[in-house]
Amino acid sequence: MLDLNVAADIEQSLMRKGHPLFKDGSVYSNLYTGGAAESSFCASSLG
């Protein structure tokens, strides 16, 4: 996941397939946000 745009594209694809794992939560330092309300340092949201 060195390409942030690729991480964002993959996350969008996963979000269309089901319920976000972290919908009402938060996530820190991960590849994907998982639909979290608050996310910090996630590759898919940096690009």
PDB file of N, CA and C in Angstrom:
ATOM      1  N   MET A   1       0.823  -1.202   0.000  1.00  0.00           N
ATOM      2  CA  MET A   1       0.000   0.000   0.000  1.00  0.00           C
ATOM      3  C   MET A   1       0.862   1.259   0.000  1.00  0.00           C
ATOM      4  N   LEU A   2       1.856   1.273  -0.861  1.00  0.00           N
ATOM      5  CA  LEU A   2       2.691   2.469  -0.967  1.00  0.00           C
ATOM      6  C   LEU A   2       2.003   3.570  -1.753  1.00  0.00           C
ATOM      7  N   ASP A   3       1.003   3.225  -2.546  1.00  0.00           N
ATOM      8  CA  ASP A   3       0.253   4.209  -3.321  1.00  0.00           C
ATOM      9  C   ASP A   3      -1.054   4.519  -2.590  1.00  0.00           C
ATOM     10  N   LEU A   4      -1.145   5.727  -2.047  1.00  0.00           N
ATOM     11  CA  LEU A   4      -2.312   6.096  -1.238  1.00  0.00           C
ATOM     12  C   LEU A   4      -3.607   6.071  -2.027  1.00  0.00           C
ATOM     13  N   ASN A   5      -3.538   6.382  -3.317  1.00  0.00           N
ATOM     14  CA  ASN A   5      -4.747   6.354  -4.152  1.00  0.00           C
ATOM     15  C   ASN A   5      -5.277   4.933  -4.310  1.00  0.00           C
ATOM     16  N   VAL A   6      -4.379   3.969  -4.389  1.00  0.00           N
ATOM     17  CA  VAL A   6      -4.793   2.567  -4.495  1.00  0.00           C
ATOM     18  C   VAL A   6      -5.497   2.146  -3.201  1.00  0.00           C
ATOM     19  N   ALA A   7      -4.946   2.539  -2.050  1.00  0.00           N
ATOM     20  CA  ALA A   7      -5.579   2.214  -0.777  1.00  0.00           C
ATOM     21  C   ALA A   7      -6.983   2.811  -0.708  1.00  0.00           C
ATOM     22  N   ALA A   8      -7.135   4.048  -1.163  1.00  0.00           N
ATOM     23  CA  ALA A   8      -8.451   4.695  -1.159  1.00  0.00           C
ATOM     24  C   ALA A   8      -9.417   3.967  -2.086  1.00  0.00           C
ATOM     25  N   ASP A   9      -8.957   3.559  -3.262  1.00  0.00           N
ATOM     26  CA  ASP A   9      -9.813   2.834  -4.206  1.00  0.00           C
ATOM     27  C   ASP A   9     -10.272   1.492  -3.631  1.00  0.00           C
ATOM     28  N   ILE A  10      -9.349   0.777  -3.003  1.00  0.00           N
ATOM     29  CA  ILE A  10      -9.701  -0.514  -2.416  1.00  0.00           C
ATOM     30  C   ILE A  10     -10.702  -0.331  -1.282  1.00  0.00           C
ATOM     31  N   GLU A  11     -10.485   0.683  -0.452  1.00  0.00           N
ATOM     32  CA  GLU A  11     -11.428   0.915   0.644  1.00  0.00           C
ATOM     33  C   GLU A  11     -12.818   1.254   0.113  1.00  0.00           C
ATOM     34  N   GLN A  12     -12.903   2.073  -0.916  1.00  0.00           N
ATOM     35  CA  GLN A  12     -14.206   2.408  -1.505  1.00  0.00           C
ATOM     36  C   GLN A  12     -14.902   1.158  -2.019  1.00  0.00           C
ATOM     37  N   SER A  13     -14.141   0.285  -2.647  1.00  0.00           N
ATOM     38  CA  SER A  13     -14.704  -0.967  -3.150  1.00  0.00           C
ATOM     39  C   SER A  13     -15.240  -1.827  -2.001  1.00  0.00           C
ATOM     40  N   LEU A  14     -14.488  -1.918  -0.919  1.00  0.00           N
ATOM     41  CA  LEU A  14     -14.925  -2.702   0.239  1.00  0.00           C
ATOM     42  C   LEU A  14     -16.149  -2.090   0.902  1.00  0.00           C
ATOM     43  N   MET A  15     -16.220  -0.770   0.964  1.00  0.00           N
ATOM     44  CA  MET A  15     -17.347  -0.094   1.605  1.00  0.00           C
ATOM     45  C   MET A  15     -18.656  -0.361   0.858  1.00  0.00           C
ATOM     46  N   ARG A  16     -18.580  -0.532  -0.456  1.00  0.00           N
ATOM     47  CA  ARG A  16     -19.785  -0.815  -1.242  1.00  0.00           C
ATOM     48  C   ARG A  16     -20.311  -2.223  -1.008  1.00  0.00           C
ATOM     49  N   LYS A  17     -19.468  -3.098  -0.460  1.00  0.00           N
ATOM     50  CA  LYS A  17     -19.840  -4.504  -0.309  1.00  0.00           C
ATOM     51  C   LYS A  17     -20.456  -4.861   1.040  1.00  0.00           C
ATOM     52  N   GLY A  18     -20.403  -3.954   2.009  1.00  0.00           N
ATOM     53  CA  GLY A  18     -20.949  -4.327   3.306  1.00  0.00           C
ATOM     54  C   GLY A  18     -20.962  -3.197   4.306  1.00  0.00           C
ATOM     55  N   HIS A  19     -21.280  -3.536   5.537  1.00  0.00           N
ATOM     56  CA  HIS A  19     -21.380  -2.587   6.642  1.00  0.00           C
ATOM     57  C   HIS A  19     -19.976  -2.212   7.138  1.00  0.00           C
ATOM     58  N   PRO A  20     -19.676  -0.909   7.305  1.00  0.00           N
ATOM     59  CA  PRO A  20     -18.362  -0.497   7.787  1.00  0.00           C
ATOM     60  C   PRO A  20     -18.091  -1.040   9.196  1.00  0.00           C
ATOM     61  N   LEU A  21     -16.940  -1.628   9.400  1.00  0.00           N
ATOM     62  CA  LEU A  21     -16.578  -2.243  10.662  1.00  0.00           C
ATOM     63  C   LEU A  21     -16.493  -1.235  11.814  1.00  0.00           C
ATOM     64  N   PHE A  22     -15.973  -0.041  11.536  1.00  0.00           N
ATOM     65  CA  PHE A  22     -15.773   0.962  12.581  1.00  0.00           C
ATOM     66  C   PHE A  22     -16.700   2.164  12.423  1.00  0.00           C
ATOM     67  N   LYS A  23     -17.919   1.939  11.973  1.00  0.00           N
ATOM     68  CA  LYS A  23     -18.847   3.009  11.612  1.00  0.00           C
ATOM     69  C   LYS A  23     -18.950   4.131  12.647  1.00  0.00           C
ATOM     70  N   ASP A  24     -19.152   3.831  13.889  1.00  0.00           N
ATOM     71  CA  ASP A  24     -19.326   4.858  14.916  1.00  0.00           C
ATOM     72  C   ASP A  24     -18.098   4.993  15.816  1.00  0.00           C
ATOM     73  N   GLY A  25     -16.977   4.428  15.392  1.00  0.00           N
ATOM     74  CA  GLY A  25     -15.789   4.429  16.237  1.00  0.00           C
ATOM     75  C   GLY A  25     -14.673   5.300  15.675  1.00  0.00           C
ATOM     76  N   SER A  26     -13.469   4.930  16.037  1.00  0.00           N
ATOM     77  CA  SER A  26     -12.302   5.660  15.564  1.00  0.00           C
ATOM     78  C   SER A  26     -11.186   4.668  15.247  1.00  0.00           C
ATOM     79  N   VAL A  27     -10.237   5.115  14.444  1.00  0.00           N
ATOM     80  CA  VAL A  27      -9.116   4.268  14.051  1.00  0.00           C
ATOM     81  C   VAL A  27      -7.869   5.145  13.946  1.00  0.00           C
ATOM     82  N   TYR A  28      -6.717   4.554  14.283  1.00  0.00           N
ATOM     83  CA  TYR A  28      -5.461   5.282  14.291  1.00  0.00           C
ATOM     84  C   TYR A  28      -4.379   4.429  13.639  1.00  0.00           C
ATOM     85  N   SER A  29      -3.671   4.993  12.684  1.00  0.00           N
ATOM     86  CA  SER A  29      -2.532   4.349  12.031  1.00  0.00           C
ATOM     87  C   SER A  29      -2.891   2.980  11.449  1.00  0.00           C
ATOM     88  N   ASN A  30      -3.628   3.017  10.348  1.00  0.00           N
ATOM     89  CA  ASN A  30      -4.081   1.800   9.694  1.00  0.00           C
ATOM     90  C   ASN A  30      -4.051   2.022   8.186  1.00  0.00           C
ATOM     91  N   LEU A  31      -4.243   0.979   7.406  1.00  0.00           N
ATOM     92  CA  LEU A  31      -4.362   1.143   5.962  1.00  0.00           C
ATOM     93  C   LEU A  31      -5.707   1.751   5.601  1.00  0.00           C
ATOM     94  N   TYR A  32      -6.774   1.267   6.225  1.00  0.00           N
ATOM     95  CA  TYR A  32      -8.123   1.698   5.898  1.00  0.00           C
ATOM     96  C   TYR A  32      -8.803   2.331   7.117  1.00  0.00           C
ATOM     97  N   THR A  33      -9.777   3.195   6.852  1.00  0.00           N
ATOM     98  CA  THR A  33     -10.517   3.829   7.948  1.00  0.00           C
ATOM     99  C   THR A  33     -11.624   2.921   8.471  1.00  0.00           C
ATOM    100  N   GLY A  34     -12.087   1.994   7.666  1.00  0.00           N
ATOM    101  CA  GLY A  34     -13.167   1.099   8.086  1.00  0.00           C
ATOM    102  C   GLY A  34     -14.470   1.838   8.329  1.00  0.00           C
ATOM    103  N   GLY A  35     -14.615   3.037   7.742  1.00  0.00           N
ATOM    104  CA  GLY A  35     -15.823   3.823   7.904  1.00  0.00           C
ATOM    105  C   GLY A  35     -15.902   4.535   9.245  1.00  0.00           C
ATOM    106  N   ALA A  36     -14.775   4.650   9.952  1.00  0.00           N
ATOM    107  CA  ALA A  36     -14.765   5.278  11.273  1.00  0.00           C
ATOM    108  C   ALA A  36     -15.141   6.753  11.196  1.00  0.00           C
ATOM    109  N   ALA A  37     -15.836   7.214  12.236  1.00  0.00           N
ATOM    110  CA  ALA A  37     -16.203   8.627  12.316  1.00  0.00           C
ATOM    111  C   ALA A  37     -14.956   9.496  12.448  1.00  0.00           C
ATOM    112  N   GLU A  38     -13.947   9.002  13.163  1.00  0.00           N
ATOM    113  CA  GLU A  38     -12.676   9.706  13.314  1.00  0.00           C
ATOM    114  C   GLU A  38     -11.548   8.778  12.905  1.00  0.00           C
ATOM    115  N   SER A  39     -10.668   9.256  12.024  1.00  0.00           N
ATOM    116  CA  SER A  39      -9.512   8.454  11.621  1.00  0.00           C
ATOM    117  C   SER A  39      -8.283   9.347  11.545  1.00  0.00           C
ATOM    118  N   SER A  40      -7.164   8.792  11.987  1.00  0.00           N
ATOM    119  CA  SER A  40      -5.894   9.521  11.958  1.00  0.00           C
ATOM    120  C   SER A  40      -4.813   8.615  11.376  1.00  0.00           C
ATOM    121  N   PHE A  41      -4.052   9.172  10.457  1.00  0.00           N
ATOM    122  CA  PHE A  41      -2.901   8.479   9.863  1.00  0.00           C
ATOM    123  C   PHE A  41      -3.271   7.153   9.185  1.00  0.00           C
ATOM    124  N   CYS A  42      -4.358   7.173   8.406  1.00  0.00           N
ATOM    125  CA  CYS A  42      -4.760   6.005   7.631  1.00  0.00           C
ATOM    126  C   CYS A  42      -4.419   6.256   6.157  1.00  0.00           C
ATOM    127  N   ALA A  43      -3.776   5.273   5.536  1.00  0.00           N
ATOM    128  CA  ALA A  43      -3.316   5.432   4.158  1.00  0.00           C
ATOM    129  C   ALA A  43      -4.452   5.796   3.202  1.00  0.00           C
ATOM    130  N   SER A  44      -5.603   5.201   3.369  1.00  0.00           N
ATOM    131  CA  SER A  44      -6.693   5.454   2.419  1.00  0.00           C
ATOM    132  C   SER A  44      -7.258   6.873   2.508  1.00  0.00           C
ATOM    133  N   SER A  45      -7.041   7.557   3.617  1.00  0.00           N
ATOM    134  CA  SER A  45      -7.572   8.910   3.748  1.00  0.00           C
ATOM    135  C   SER A  45      -6.496   9.986   3.624  1.00  0.00           C
ATOM    136  N   LEU A  46      -5.252   9.603   3.481  1.00  0.00           N
ATOM    137  CA  LEU A  46      -4.154  10.570   3.331  1.00  0.00           C
ATOM    138  C   LEU A  46      -4.013  11.047   1.897  1.00  0.00           C
ATOM    139  N   GLY A  47      -4.397  10.191   0.940  1.00  0.00           N
ATOM    140  CA  GLY A  47      -4.180  10.501  -0.468  1.00  0.00           C
ATOM    141  C   GLY A  47      -5.129  11.386  -1.040  1.00  0.00           C
TER     142      GLY A  47
END
